[in-house]
Amino acid sequence: MALVLVFLAGGLPLVWLGVHALHDVSSAATALLSWQTVMLLANTVRLGMGVALLVGALGTALGILLAKTDLAGSRMLMALLTFPLFLPPYVLAFGWFTVLGRQGLLAALLGPRVGITTSDTFFGVGGALLVLTVAYTPIVVHLVRIALLSIDPAIEDAARLRFGWPPIIRRIHLPLIAPAIALGMLVTFILVIGEFGVPAYVRYPVFSGAVFTQFAAFLDIRAAVVTSIPLAVLVLGGMAAERYWLRARVRFLGRARIIPVLARLAEWRIIVTATAWAYGLVTVLTPLGGLAVQAGGRISYVAALRGAAASVVASVWMAALAATVIAAVGFLLAYLVERRPHGRRHGLDTGLMLLFAVPGTVLGVALILLWNRSGLVHVYASVGIILIGYVAHYTPLAVRAIGVGLHAIPTDLEEAARGAGVSWTRTIGRVLLPLLGPGVAGAWALAFVFCLRDLDLVMTVHPPGVETMPIRLYTLMANSASSVTAALGLVIIGLTASCVLLLGAALTVLRRFSAWN
């Protein structure tokens, strides 16, 4: 039933999109072979590869420092570096604009010529690389950290008898964690090529923006479908690489975690700690400081919050409801993935991850193409279309998150329950759910935050009269004073931070309670 629900929510619209794209192959081929398509393809791949390479280098260095050294304040720095991942990337883009724009902080401090130079660099591929690198570096950082914590310490102990830490990291750690680094870079590439908000803000033409423009500005859904084909090909290529090259190599990430052996930085500790913290403070707090300066005083916040209450309430309740459905469906699908035969498991897992990998604008066009018809207006013209999109797009995240915990639970427990005559539903409720409680709650929290920050999908499918906070901010960017927009951006950041802190505290309590039980 869960599999059918997710297929109806996301799989069927994408299949229908493909069928629609094949109606007129000759005209589609002509459009795809145009110079504009070649330019968009080059820009999209250039941005995706550039960000992937940057996050690969930065994330590997930071992950090793945070996981394998006695870096001062490593936990707080990890939290600081992770925070941008929970924010809408275009909010970060606006924050950096308040710093690098022609009337930004640097221009005020160093003069208008500096502002002109930084602004010209920011608007284009340079700004997109900066913002998206800051936003997605945490993906590689966390994967590297998990991979390092999964390495058998006996390997390190044997190497330490002869070598120091630099050769161990170079000759042992890097080869072992290379698949995790590659996975993080691949995930980043897929997310970046589907990003709409940041390239649109810095005026860098890519496929996701072209898809949205064809649909929203020209009302040409046929052109939007054709434009989405190259994006779909890139995503399918990325998923094929994950399926046939990386998946078997990163299975070790599901091993039980161990207490790491830390490398002592000794006399380098102060310098390395200062450098790492400087990177975190500059990349994360600088755009937030720019927003605070741009927002000014209380008047801007009052103007920003005027009429925003409905958007806040709509964002929170839709994200909470979608996360609840996602967590429930994700648990069932995770069980299906982890407990199925090997070959079928990989096929199901790949199909689910495709729903997450597909760009939000493309999924939005597919949903509109399927649901915008007589008899289905009650779904298409309501929040139902947004909730369907959330469930389709973010259920794979919950499946992966819960699947990691389920993979660590031996099947002997279920076999013993079956041998005792316990039904499957009671086994789920009495055996698996208590053990997986923190994992399911974490999946709910992850889905909630991603639904709360979503712009690309919601911007494409939202019906008239329905406005989430990301949509409201994106609209204010074009129609309101920059001080009001900055104030609302800080409100969104504060709301996200509050949700993350509350969910983190709840997960900590739940983990301790589960361990105590």
Protein backbone atom coordinates (compact mmCIF):
# COMPACT_ATOMS: atom_id res chain seq x y z
CA MET A 1 0.00 0.00 0.00
CA ALA A 2 2.84 2.41 0.89
CA LEU A 3 4.58 1.63 -2.40
CA VAL A 4 1.37 2.27 -4.34
CA LEU A 5 0.89 5.60 -2.53
CA VAL A 6 4.37 6.85 -3.39
CA PHE A 7 4.04 5.64 -6.99
CA LEU A 8 0.76 7.51 -7.39
CA ALA A 9 2.22 10.63 -5.75
CA GLY A 10 5.46 10.81 -7.73
CA GLY A 11 6.10 7.86 -10.01
CA LEU A 12 2.94 8.12 -12.10
CA PRO A 13 3.33 11.89 -12.76
CA LEU A 14 6.92 11.36 -13.92
CA VAL A 15 5.86 8.47 -16.19
CA TRP A 16 3.09 10.65 -17.62
CA LEU A 17 5.63 13.43 -18.15
CA GLY A 18 7.79 11.04 -20.16
CA VAL A 19 4.84 9.90 -22.24
CA HIS A 20 3.85 13.49 -22.91
CA ALA A 21 7.42 14.33 -23.98
CA LEU A 22 7.32 11.55 -26.61
CA HIS A 23 4.14 12.81 -28.32
CA ASP A 24 6.04 14.88 -30.87
CA VAL A 25 9.59 13.58 -31.04
CA SER A 26 10.63 15.63 -34.08
CA SER A 27 9.74 19.02 -32.58
CA ALA A 28 11.23 18.00 -29.25
CA ALA A 29 14.47 17.00 -30.98
CA THR A 30 14.60 20.34 -32.79
CA ALA A 31 14.19 22.24 -29.52
CA LEU A 32 16.78 20.09 -27.73
CA LEU A 33 19.37 20.63 -30.46
CA SER A 34 19.06 24.42 -30.35
CA TRP A 35 21.92 26.69 -29.31
CA GLN A 36 19.97 27.80 -26.23
CA THR A 37 19.72 24.20 -25.02
CA VAL A 38 23.46 23.71 -25.50
CA MET A 39 24.14 26.88 -23.49
CA LEU A 40 21.79 25.82 -20.68
CA LEU A 41 23.35 22.36 -20.60
CA ALA A 42 26.87 23.81 -20.39
CA ASN A 43 25.86 26.21 -17.62
CA THR A 44 24.04 23.54 -15.64
CA VAL A 45 26.87 21.00 -15.83
CA ARG A 46 29.47 23.68 -15.14
CA LEU A 47 27.67 24.78 -11.99
CA GLY A 48 27.02 21.23 -10.80
CA MET A 49 30.60 20.08 -11.37
CA GLY A 50 32.07 23.23 -9.85
CA VAL A 51 30.07 22.98 -6.64
CA ALA A 52 30.66 19.22 -6.41
CA LEU A 53 34.44 19.68 -6.66
CA LEU A 54 34.45 22.50 -4.10
CA VAL A 55 32.32 20.66 -1.54
CA GLY A 56 34.40 17.53 -2.11
CA ALA A 57 37.62 19.33 -1.20
CA LEU A 58 36.24 21.46 1.63
CA GLY A 59 34.00 18.74 3.05
CA THR A 60 36.82 16.18 3.11
CA ALA A 61 39.21 18.53 4.90
CA LEU A 62 36.63 19.67 7.43
CA GLY A 63 35.28 16.14 7.96
CA ILE A 64 38.76 14.80 8.75
CA LEU A 65 39.47 17.68 11.13
CA LEU A 66 36.16 17.27 12.94
CA ALA A 67 36.21 13.47 13.16
CA LYS A 68 39.87 12.56 13.58
CA THR A 69 41.61 15.44 15.38
CA ASP A 70 41.40 17.19 18.74
CA LEU A 71 40.12 20.38 17.10
CA ALA A 72 38.78 22.71 19.80
CA GLY A 73 34.98 23.09 19.81
CA SER A 74 34.47 20.46 17.13
CA ARG A 75 30.84 19.74 18.07
CA MET A 76 29.83 23.39 17.99
CA LEU A 77 31.67 23.90 14.71
CA MET A 78 29.92 20.87 13.22
CA ALA A 79 26.54 22.34 14.22
CA LEU A 80 27.50 25.73 12.77
CA LEU A 81 28.62 24.24 9.46
CA THR A 82 25.51 22.05 9.22
CA PHE A 83 22.99 24.86 9.77
CA PRO A 84 23.04 26.23 6.17
CA LEU A 85 21.83 22.83 4.94
CA PHE A 86 18.51 23.46 6.69
CA LEU A 87 17.99 26.91 5.16
CA PRO A 88 16.50 27.72 1.77
CA PRO A 89 19.60 28.36 -0.38
CA TYR A 90 18.14 31.53 -1.88
CA VAL A 91 17.97 33.03 1.64
CA LEU A 92 21.72 32.55 1.82
CA ALA A 93 21.99 34.11 -1.64
CA PHE A 94 20.14 37.22 -0.47
CA GLY A 95 22.32 37.33 2.64
CA TRP A 96 25.49 37.28 0.55
CA PHE A 97 24.02 39.98 -1.70
CA THR A 98 23.68 42.29 1.33
CA VAL A 99 27.42 41.81 1.82
CA LEU A 100 28.74 41.73 -1.77
CA GLY A 101 26.20 43.92 -3.58
CA ARG A 102 26.89 47.45 -4.81
CA GLN A 103 25.35 48.89 -1.64
CA GLY A 104 26.49 45.97 0.52
CA LEU A 105 28.66 45.85 3.61
CA LEU A 106 31.93 45.61 1.69
CA ALA A 107 31.02 48.64 -0.42
CA ALA A 108 30.21 50.60 2.74
CA LEU A 109 33.50 49.60 4.36
CA LEU A 110 35.91 49.67 1.39
CA GLY A 111 34.29 52.01 -1.08
CA PRO A 112 31.93 51.86 -4.11
CA ARG A 113 34.57 50.50 -6.49
CA VAL A 114 34.93 47.40 -4.35
CA GLY A 115 31.13 47.08 -4.30
CA ILE A 116 30.98 47.21 -8.10
CA THR A 117 33.66 44.52 -8.42
CA THR A 118 32.13 42.18 -5.85
CA SER A 119 28.63 42.68 -7.24
CA ASP A 120 29.73 41.90 -10.79
CA THR A 121 31.42 38.73 -9.51
CA PHE A 122 28.45 37.73 -7.39
CA PHE A 123 25.86 37.98 -10.16
CA GLY A 124 26.67 35.00 -12.32
CA VAL A 125 28.36 31.68 -11.82
CA GLY A 126 30.60 33.08 -9.06
CA GLY A 127 27.70 33.86 -6.74
CA ALA A 128 26.00 30.54 -7.46
CA LEU A 129 29.21 28.65 -6.68
CA LEU A 130 29.67 30.55 -3.42
CA VAL A 131 26.14 30.13 -2.10
CA LEU A 132 25.62 26.51 -3.11
CA THR A 133 29.05 25.46 -1.83
CA VAL A 134 28.23 26.87 1.59
CA ALA A 135 24.79 25.24 1.50
CA TYR A 136 25.89 21.73 0.49
CA THR A 137 29.36 21.30 2.03
CA PRO A 138 27.73 19.74 5.15
CA ILE A 139 26.68 16.74 3.04
CA VAL A 140 30.28 15.73 2.40
CA VAL A 141 31.38 16.71 5.91
CA HIS A 142 28.88 14.32 7.51
CA LEU A 143 29.53 11.48 5.08
CA VAL A 144 33.29 11.77 5.65
CA ARG A 145 32.76 11.84 9.41
CA ILE A 146 30.54 8.74 9.32
CA ALA A 147 32.99 6.92 7.05
CA LEU A 148 35.92 7.68 9.36
CA LEU A 149 33.97 6.49 12.40
CA SER A 150 33.23 3.22 10.56
CA ILE A 151 36.90 2.31 10.01
CA ASP A 152 38.20 -0.54 12.16
CA PRO A 153 40.61 1.00 14.76
CA ALA A 154 42.82 -2.08 14.50
CA ILE A 155 43.89 -0.87 11.04
CA GLU A 156 44.94 2.47 12.50
CA ASP A 157 46.70 0.86 15.49
CA ALA A 158 48.78 -1.33 13.19
CA ALA A 159 49.71 1.63 10.99
CA ARG A 160 50.62 3.82 13.97
CA LEU A 161 53.36 1.39 14.92
CA ARG A 162 55.31 2.63 11.92
CA PHE A 163 53.76 5.82 10.55
CA GLY A 164 52.56 9.16 11.86
CA TRP A 165 49.08 10.55 11.32
CA PRO A 166 49.68 12.39 8.00
CA PRO A 167 50.76 9.19 6.15
CA ILE A 168 47.91 7.25 7.80
CA ILE A 169 45.36 9.79 6.63
CA ARG A 170 46.87 9.92 3.14
CA ARG A 171 47.45 6.18 2.61
CA ILE A 172 44.68 4.56 4.69
CA HIS A 173 41.87 6.95 5.49
CA LEU A 174 41.49 8.71 2.14
CA PRO A 175 41.36 5.49 0.06
CA LEU A 176 38.84 3.96 2.50
CA ILE A 177 36.55 7.00 2.63
CA ALA A 178 36.86 7.83 -1.10
CA PRO A 179 33.47 6.18 -1.91
CA ALA A 180 31.78 8.31 0.76
CA ILE A 181 33.39 11.45 -0.66
CA ALA A 182 32.29 10.48 -4.17
CA LEU A 183 28.74 9.83 -2.91
CA GLY A 184 28.60 13.26 -1.28
CA MET A 185 29.86 14.92 -4.45
CA LEU A 186 27.35 13.01 -6.57
CA VAL A 187 24.43 13.92 -4.29
CA THR A 188 25.59 17.54 -4.39
CA PHE A 189 25.80 17.51 -8.18
CA ILE A 190 22.24 16.16 -8.46
CA LEU A 191 20.88 18.74 -6.01
CA VAL A 192 22.70 21.63 -7.68
CA ILE A 193 21.59 20.88 -11.24
CA GLY A 194 18.00 20.92 -9.99
CA GLU A 195 18.37 24.12 -7.96
CA PHE A 196 16.09 26.93 -9.09
CA GLY A 197 16.17 29.70 -6.47
CA VAL A 198 19.87 30.56 -6.33
CA PRO A 199 20.63 30.58 -10.09
CA ALA A 200 17.50 32.63 -10.67
CA TYR A 201 18.53 35.12 -7.98
CA VAL A 202 22.08 35.59 -9.30
CA ARG A 203 20.79 35.61 -12.91
CA TYR A 204 22.68 32.54 -14.05
CA PRO A 205 20.63 30.67 -16.68
CA VAL A 206 20.25 26.92 -16.03
CA PHE A 207 17.72 24.25 -16.99
CA SER A 208 15.64 24.40 -13.80
CA GLY A 209 15.03 28.11 -14.30
CA ALA A 210 14.15 27.55 -17.95
CA VAL A 211 11.60 24.88 -17.01
CA PHE A 212 9.93 27.21 -14.52
CA THR A 213 9.99 30.17 -16.92
CA GLN A 214 8.40 28.19 -19.76
CA PHE A 215 5.59 27.12 -17.46
CA ALA A 216 5.01 30.16 -15.22
CA ALA A 217 5.89 33.04 -17.55
CA PHE A 218 4.85 31.71 -20.97
CA LEU A 219 2.23 29.16 -19.84
CA ASP A 220 3.78 26.72 -22.31
CA ILE A 221 3.73 23.38 -20.53
CA ARG A 222 4.82 21.59 -23.69
CA ALA A 223 8.04 23.64 -23.82
CA ALA A 224 8.51 23.09 -20.08
CA VAL A 225 8.26 19.33 -20.58
CA VAL A 226 10.78 19.37 -23.43
CA THR A 227 13.17 21.58 -21.45
CA SER A 228 13.06 19.14 -18.54
CA ILE A 229 14.36 16.24 -20.69
CA PRO A 230 18.09 17.12 -20.41
CA LEU A 231 17.68 17.53 -16.64
CA ALA A 232 16.07 14.10 -16.47
CA VAL A 233 18.97 12.60 -18.45
CA LEU A 234 21.53 14.16 -16.08
CA VAL A 235 19.63 12.88 -13.04
CA LEU A 236 19.33 9.38 -14.51
CA GLY A 237 23.07 9.38 -15.21
CA GLY A 238 23.77 10.35 -11.60
CA MET A 239 21.43 7.67 -10.28
CA ALA A 240 23.07 5.05 -12.50
CA ALA A 241 26.48 6.00 -11.08
CA GLU A 242 25.13 5.66 -7.54
CA ARG A 243 23.45 2.35 -8.27
CA TYR A 244 26.21 0.53 -10.17
CA TRP A 245 29.38 2.17 -8.89
CA LEU A 246 28.89 3.55 -5.38
CA ARG A 247 26.12 1.67 -3.59
CA ALA A 248 28.09 -1.48 -2.83
CA ARG A 249 31.14 0.55 -1.85
CA VAL A 250 29.34 2.63 0.80
CA ARG A 251 27.51 -0.19 2.55
CA PHE A 252 30.12 -0.01 5.30
CA LEU A 253 28.56 3.29 6.40
CA GLY A 254 25.82 1.27 8.13
CA ARG A 255 28.26 -0.40 10.54
CA ALA A 256 28.06 0.21 14.26
CA ARG A 257 29.85 3.39 15.26
CA ILE A 258 32.94 3.28 17.42
CA ILE A 259 34.88 5.73 19.56
CA PRO A 260 37.52 7.23 17.26
CA VAL A 261 41.23 7.45 17.91
CA LEU A 262 42.06 11.15 17.62
CA ALA A 263 45.16 12.62 16.06
CA ARG A 264 46.80 15.26 18.22
CA LEU A 265 47.35 18.55 16.42
CA ALA A 266 49.94 19.54 19.05
CA GLU A 267 51.56 22.89 18.20
CA TRP A 268 49.29 23.24 15.14
CA ARG A 269 46.10 23.06 17.20
CA ILE A 270 45.64 26.80 17.67
CA ILE A 271 46.32 27.64 14.01
CA VAL A 272 44.16 24.83 12.60
CA THR A 273 41.33 25.54 15.05
CA ALA A 274 41.41 29.26 14.24
CA THR A 275 41.38 28.54 10.49
CA ALA A 276 38.47 26.08 10.70
CA TRP A 277 36.43 28.38 12.93
CA ALA A 278 37.21 31.37 10.71
CA TYR A 279 35.83 29.47 7.71
CA GLY A 280 32.68 28.53 9.61
CA LEU A 281 32.06 32.00 11.01
CA VAL A 282 32.72 33.79 7.72
CA THR A 283 30.66 31.48 5.50
CA VAL A 284 27.71 31.08 7.87
CA LEU A 285 27.51 34.24 9.98
CA THR A 286 28.59 36.81 7.38
CA PRO A 287 25.40 36.55 5.27
CA LEU A 288 23.30 36.51 8.44
CA GLY A 289 25.06 39.66 9.65
CA GLY A 290 24.46 41.27 6.29
CA LEU A 291 20.76 40.52 6.58
CA ALA A 292 20.66 41.98 10.10
CA VAL A 293 22.33 45.21 8.99
CA GLN A 294 20.08 45.47 5.94
CA ALA A 295 16.92 44.86 7.99
CA GLY A 296 17.62 47.73 10.35
CA GLY A 297 15.22 48.34 13.22
CA ARG A 298 11.83 47.23 14.44
CA ILE A 299 9.85 48.92 11.67
CA SER A 300 11.19 46.49 9.05
CA TYR A 301 10.26 43.47 11.13
CA VAL A 302 6.76 44.80 11.76
CA ALA A 303 6.31 45.37 8.03
CA ALA A 304 7.71 41.92 7.24
CA LEU A 305 5.45 40.16 9.72
CA ARG A 306 2.35 42.07 8.62
CA GLY A 307 0.32 39.50 6.77
CA ALA A 308 2.95 36.79 7.23
CA ALA A 309 1.14 34.94 10.01
CA ALA A 310 -0.93 32.91 7.55
CA SER A 311 2.23 31.96 5.64
CA VAL A 312 3.96 30.82 8.83
CA VAL A 313 0.99 28.74 9.93
CA ALA A 314 0.55 27.23 6.46
CA SER A 315 4.25 26.36 6.20
CA VAL A 316 4.37 24.68 9.62
CA TRP A 317 1.17 22.67 9.45
CA MET A 318 1.73 21.47 5.88
CA ALA A 319 5.31 20.48 6.69
CA ALA A 320 4.20 18.69 9.87
CA LEU A 321 1.38 16.81 8.15
CA ALA A 322 3.57 15.84 5.20
CA ALA A 323 6.38 14.73 7.54
CA THR A 324 3.96 12.51 9.45
CA VAL A 325 2.80 10.80 6.28
CA ILE A 326 6.38 10.57 5.03
CA ALA A 327 7.62 8.97 8.27
CA ALA A 328 4.82 6.38 8.26
CA VAL A 329 5.20 5.53 4.58
CA GLY A 330 8.98 5.69 4.87
CA PHE A 331 9.00 3.10 7.65
CA LEU A 332 6.99 0.62 5.59
CA LEU A 333 9.08 1.19 2.49
CA ALA A 334 12.32 0.95 4.47
CA TYR A 335 11.17 -2.44 5.74
CA LEU A 336 10.33 -3.45 2.19
CA VAL A 337 13.74 -2.32 0.92
CA GLU A 338 15.84 -3.86 3.70
CA ARG A 339 13.98 -7.16 3.96
CA ARG A 340 13.57 -7.93 0.24
CA PRO A 341 15.92 -10.11 -1.84
CA HIS A 342 19.11 -8.34 -2.90
CA GLY A 343 18.31 -7.58 -6.55
CA ARG A 344 14.76 -6.40 -5.97
CA ARG A 345 15.92 -4.26 -3.06
CA HIS A 346 18.33 -2.32 -5.25
CA GLY A 347 15.68 -1.74 -7.92
CA LEU A 348 13.16 -0.43 -5.40
CA ASP A 349 15.74 1.74 -3.67
CA THR A 350 16.88 3.25 -6.96
CA GLY A 351 13.32 4.03 -7.98
CA LEU A 352 12.67 5.79 -4.69
CA MET A 353 15.85 7.83 -4.81
CA LEU A 354 14.96 8.95 -8.32
CA LEU A 355 11.95 10.75 -6.84
CA PHE A 356 14.25 12.70 -4.53
CA ALA A 357 16.86 13.35 -7.21
CA VAL A 358 14.43 14.74 -9.78
CA PRO A 359 14.42 18.58 -9.62
CA GLY A 360 11.49 20.16 -7.84
CA THR A 361 10.51 22.20 -10.89
CA VAL A 362 10.38 19.06 -13.05
CA LEU A 363 8.33 17.15 -10.48
CA GLY A 364 6.03 20.15 -10.17
CA VAL A 365 5.42 20.26 -13.93
CA ALA A 366 4.75 16.51 -13.90
CA LEU A 367 2.19 16.89 -11.10
CA ILE A 368 0.44 19.72 -12.93
CA LEU A 369 0.39 17.75 -16.15
CA LEU A 370 -1.31 14.82 -14.40
CA TRP A 371 -3.68 16.59 -12.01
CA ASN A 372 -4.75 19.66 -14.02
CA ARG A 373 -7.82 18.14 -15.61
CA SER A 374 -11.58 18.12 -15.12
CA GLY A 375 -12.70 16.10 -12.15
CA LEU A 376 -9.46 16.62 -10.26
CA VAL A 377 -9.71 20.37 -9.65
CA HIS A 378 -10.43 19.81 -5.95
CA VAL A 379 -6.90 18.40 -5.64
CA TYR A 380 -5.09 20.60 -8.13
CA ALA A 381 -6.53 23.86 -6.74
CA SER A 382 -5.91 23.04 -3.06
CA VAL A 383 -3.04 22.39 -0.68
CA GLY A 384 -3.46 18.74 -1.58
CA ILE A 385 -1.20 19.17 -4.62
CA ILE A 386 1.57 20.55 -2.36
CA LEU A 387 1.22 17.70 0.12
CA ILE A 388 1.33 15.15 -2.71
CA GLY A 389 4.50 16.78 -3.99
CA TYR A 390 6.09 16.75 -0.52
CA VAL A 391 5.33 13.05 -0.03
CA ALA A 392 6.64 12.14 -3.47
CA HIS A 393 9.82 14.22 -3.20
CA TYR A 394 10.95 13.58 0.38
CA THR A 395 9.77 10.08 1.26
CA PRO A 396 13.06 8.62 -0.09
CA LEU A 397 14.94 10.61 2.57
CA ALA A 398 12.90 8.92 5.29
CA VAL A 399 13.38 5.52 3.68
CA ARG A 400 17.17 5.93 3.72
CA ALA A 401 17.25 7.33 7.26
CA ILE A 402 15.05 4.56 8.71
CA GLY A 403 16.72 1.92 6.55
CA VAL A 404 20.10 2.59 8.19
CA GLY A 405 18.62 1.73 11.59
CA LEU A 406 16.67 -1.23 10.28
CA HIS A 407 19.77 -2.64 8.57
CA ALA A 408 21.50 -2.77 11.97
CA ILE A 409 18.68 -4.84 13.56
CA PRO A 410 19.26 -8.58 13.08
CA THR A 411 16.46 -10.52 11.45
CA ASP A 412 16.70 -13.09 14.27
CA LEU A 413 14.37 -10.96 16.38
CA GLU A 414 11.62 -11.10 13.77
CA GLU A 415 12.16 -14.81 13.18
CA ALA A 416 11.89 -15.47 16.91
CA ALA A 417 8.65 -13.48 17.05
CA ARG A 418 7.23 -15.41 14.10
CA GLY A 419 8.28 -18.69 15.75
CA ALA A 420 6.35 -17.66 18.85
CA GLY A 421 3.23 -17.11 16.76
CA VAL A 422 3.31 -13.31 16.95
CA SER A 423 1.65 -11.61 13.99
CA TRP A 424 3.61 -9.31 11.68
CA THR A 425 1.75 -6.20 12.84
CA ARG A 426 2.44 -6.98 16.50
CA THR A 427 6.09 -7.68 15.67
CA ILE A 428 6.30 -4.25 14.08
CA GLY A 429 4.61 -2.56 17.02
CA ARG A 430 6.27 -4.49 19.87
CA VAL A 431 9.74 -5.22 18.47
CA LEU A 432 10.81 -2.99 15.59
CA LEU A 433 9.19 0.34 16.40
CA PRO A 434 10.63 0.55 19.94
CA LEU A 435 14.09 -0.13 18.53
CA LEU A 436 13.62 2.22 15.58
CA GLY A 437 11.85 4.99 17.50
CA PRO A 438 14.75 7.48 17.36
CA GLY A 439 15.34 6.67 13.67
CA VAL A 440 11.69 7.23 12.75
CA ALA A 441 11.63 10.45 14.75
CA GLY A 442 14.81 11.59 13.02
CA ALA A 443 13.26 10.82 9.63
CA TRP A 444 10.20 12.88 10.62
CA ALA A 445 12.41 15.80 11.66
CA LEU A 446 14.43 15.61 8.45
CA ALA A 447 11.30 15.53 6.30
CA PHE A 448 9.75 18.40 8.26
CA VAL A 449 12.77 20.67 7.77
CA PHE A 450 13.09 19.89 4.06
CA CYS A 451 9.37 20.50 3.49
CA LEU A 452 9.61 23.74 5.45
CA ARG A 453 12.50 25.05 3.30
CA ASP A 454 11.21 23.89 -0.10
CA LEU A 455 10.84 26.53 -2.79
CA ASP A 456 11.31 24.89 -6.20
CA LEU A 457 8.46 22.39 -5.95
CA VAL A 458 6.01 24.63 -4.09
CA MET A 459 6.71 27.61 -6.33
CA THR A 460 5.71 25.49 -9.33
CA VAL A 461 2.54 23.86 -8.01
CA HIS A 462 1.07 26.15 -5.34
CA PRO A 463 -2.54 27.14 -6.10
CA PRO A 464 -3.84 30.72 -5.81
CA GLY A 465 -4.33 31.83 -2.22
CA VAL A 466 -1.84 29.34 -0.77
CA GLU A 467 1.45 30.87 0.30
CA THR A 468 4.30 29.34 2.28
CA MET A 469 7.10 31.35 3.87
CA PRO A 470 9.62 30.59 1.11
CA ILE A 471 7.13 31.76 -1.54
CA ARG A 472 6.32 34.90 0.43
CA LEU A 473 10.00 35.80 0.77
CA TYR A 474 10.69 35.12 -2.89
CA THR A 475 7.76 37.38 -3.82
CA LEU A 476 8.91 40.15 -1.48
CA MET A 477 12.35 40.13 -3.08
CA ALA A 478 10.80 41.56 -6.24
CA ASN A 479 8.07 43.72 -4.75
CA SER A 480 9.25 45.16 -1.41
CA ALA A 481 12.02 47.20 0.10
CA SER A 482 15.24 45.33 0.76
CA SER A 483 15.02 46.06 4.49
CA VAL A 484 11.64 44.34 4.72
CA THR A 485 12.88 41.39 2.67
CA ALA A 486 15.95 41.05 4.89
CA ALA A 487 13.80 41.14 8.00
CA LEU A 488 11.56 38.38 6.68
CA GLY A 489 14.64 36.37 5.72
CA LEU A 490 15.85 36.58 9.32
CA VAL A 491 12.40 35.56 10.53
CA ILE A 492 12.59 32.45 8.34
CA ILE A 493 16.08 31.71 9.64
CA GLY A 494 14.90 32.15 13.23
CA LEU A 495 11.90 29.90 12.63
CA THR A 496 14.10 27.23 11.05
CA ALA A 497 16.67 27.45 13.85
CA SER A 498 13.95 27.15 16.50
CA CYS A 499 12.47 24.09 14.79
CA VAL A 500 15.90 22.46 14.41
CA LEU A 501 16.78 23.08 18.07
CA LEU A 502 13.43 21.80 19.34
CA LEU A 503 13.58 18.71 17.15
CA GLY A 504 17.19 18.09 18.13
CA ALA A 505 16.33 18.30 21.83
CA ALA A 506 13.34 15.98 21.35
CA LEU A 507 15.50 13.45 19.49
CA THR A 508 18.12 13.54 22.25
CA VAL A 509 15.49 12.84 24.90
CA LEU A 510 13.98 10.07 22.79
CA ARG A 511 17.36 8.40 22.23
CA ARG A 512 18.15 8.45 25.95
CA PHE A 513 14.72 7.12 26.81
CA SER A 514 15.08 4.36 24.20
CA ALA A 515 18.53 3.43 25.50
CA TRP A 516 17.25 3.40 29.10
CA ASN A 517 14.39 1.10 28.12
